[in-house]
């Protein structure tokens, strides 16, 4: 069964997003990955609205935002383990999710991903 959560693009909404993810049994790593996607859309993309859909049975999720276009598949993840502030978001997304897909339609970014076993 697919569950949906739509909310204003404000970091104050991240707690409610975390509760939504937890309610559907997705676990802390998926929550971390979704939080990275949403935070990037808010802080760097200027999104005003976020929509998250999850289907725990199929292990899929979709994150939609109406911010500036940004394809995380085109961004090279920076190496993990370096001591620095920031820059881990894309690497985390690539570690947590599989089969990432990106498209932009009618002013909305859409990222589709599978979750489950984490890449080592």
Foldseek 3Di string as FASTA:
>chain_A
DKDKDKDFLDPVCLVVVLVVCVVVPNDDLVSLLVNLVSVCCVPPFVFGMWMKMDDVVQQKIKIKTLGDDDDLVPDDQDDPPDDDPDRHNSVSNQFFWPPWDWDDDPRMIMIMTGGDDGDD
